[in-house]
Amino acid sequence: MNFQHQKLRDQWKNLTIFEQMANIGSEVIRTISWKNKNNPEYSKMAFERALELIYFTVEDEKNIKRLRELTKMRELLIDYFA
């Protein structure tokens, strides 16, 4: 996967799960907002950032007990937006 935020990848593990989920939620809201404004290019970019943040969250060792929910969330978002 080609990451847009390579520097963020290392810092992501310092965030709590709540902070990680809030950042993911912000990107999902941006995806919906740009879609509603008929700007598919920006919507796609926000969606890709959301997927990237989900990947970082899944990769974070402290979230090992949440993998099922995180991967299900990723699957549902991909089904909805892609």
Protein backbone atom coordinates (compact mmCIF):
# COMPACT_ATOMS: atom_id res chain seq x y z
CA MET A 1 0.00 0.00 0.00
CA ASN A 2 1.29 3.46 -0.89
CA PHE A 3 0.98 5.56 2.28
CA GLN A 4 0.22 9.28 2.09
CA HIS A 5 1.29 9.83 5.71
CA GLN A 6 4.49 7.86 6.21
CA LYS A 7 5.61 10.04 9.15
CA LEU A 8 2.26 9.60 10.85
CA ARG A 9 2.69 5.83 10.76
CA ASP A 10 5.30 5.93 13.54
CA GLN A 11 3.40 8.44 15.67
CA TRP A 12 0.07 6.65 15.28
CA LYS A 13 0.98 4.06 17.91
CA ASN A 14 1.29 6.80 20.54
CA LEU A 15 -2.41 7.66 20.20
CA THR A 16 -5.12 5.95 22.22
CA ILE A 17 -7.70 3.82 20.41
CA PHE A 18 -10.20 6.64 20.98
CA GLU A 19 -7.93 9.18 19.29
CA GLN A 20 -7.26 6.78 16.44
CA MET A 21 -10.97 6.15 15.90
CA ALA A 22 -11.74 9.89 16.04
CA ASN A 23 -9.19 10.55 13.29
CA ILE A 24 -10.63 7.74 11.17
CA GLY A 25 -14.13 9.12 11.74
CA SER A 26 -13.01 12.56 10.57
CA GLU A 27 -11.79 11.12 7.28
CA VAL A 28 -15.03 9.16 6.83
CA ILE A 29 -17.03 12.35 7.43
CA ARG A 30 -14.86 14.14 4.85
CA THR A 31 -15.50 11.30 2.41
CA ILE A 32 -19.26 11.68 2.82
CA SER A 33 -19.09 15.48 2.72
CA TRP A 34 -17.13 15.57 -0.53
CA LYS A 35 -19.42 12.93 -2.03
CA ASN A 36 -22.46 15.08 -1.16
CA LYS A 37 -20.75 18.09 -2.75
CA ASN A 38 -20.34 16.08 -5.99
CA ASN A 39 -16.55 16.06 -5.78
CA PRO A 40 -15.64 12.39 -6.32
CA GLU A 41 -11.91 13.08 -6.53
CA TYR A 42 -11.67 14.63 -3.05
CA SER A 43 -14.08 12.03 -1.70
CA LYS A 44 -11.83 9.25 -2.98
CA MET A 45 -8.75 10.88 -1.48
CA ALA A 46 -10.42 11.18 1.94
CA PHE A 47 -11.57 7.56 1.71
CA GLU A 48 -8.04 6.41 0.93
CA ARG A 49 -6.75 8.36 3.95
CA ALA A 50 -9.40 6.68 6.13
CA LEU A 51 -8.29 3.25 4.91
CA GLU A 52 -4.68 4.18 5.57
CA LEU A 53 -5.51 5.17 9.17
CA ILE A 54 -7.47 1.94 9.64
CA TYR A 55 -4.42 0.04 8.41
CA PHE A 56 -2.23 1.83 10.96
CA THR A 57 -4.77 1.03 13.70
CA VAL A 58 -4.89 -2.66 12.77
CA GLU A 59 -1.08 -2.71 12.70
CA ASP A 60 -0.89 -1.23 16.24
CA GLU A 61 -0.11 -4.03 18.71
CA LYS A 62 -2.21 -2.57 21.52
CA ASN A 63 -5.33 -3.11 19.38
CA ILE A 64 -4.82 -6.87 18.98
CA LYS A 65 -8.02 -7.63 20.91
CA ARG A 66 -9.99 -5.33 18.60
CA LEU A 67 -8.86 -6.79 15.27
CA ARG A 68 -12.21 -8.40 14.54
CA GLU A 69 -14.11 -5.12 14.94
CA LEU A 70 -11.49 -3.09 13.09
CA THR A 71 -11.38 -5.41 10.09
CA LYS A 72 -15.18 -5.58 10.01
CA MET A 73 -15.31 -1.77 10.01
CA ARG A 74 -12.82 -1.67 7.13
CA GLU A 75 -14.88 -4.23 5.21
CA LEU A 76 -18.13 -2.29 5.71
CA LEU A 77 -16.57 1.01 4.66
CA ILE A 78 -15.11 -0.55 1.52
CA ASP A 79 -18.48 -2.12 0.68
CA TYR A 80 -20.25 1.21 1.18
CA PHE A 81 -17.85 3.57 -0.59
CA ALA A 82 -16.16 1.34 -3.16
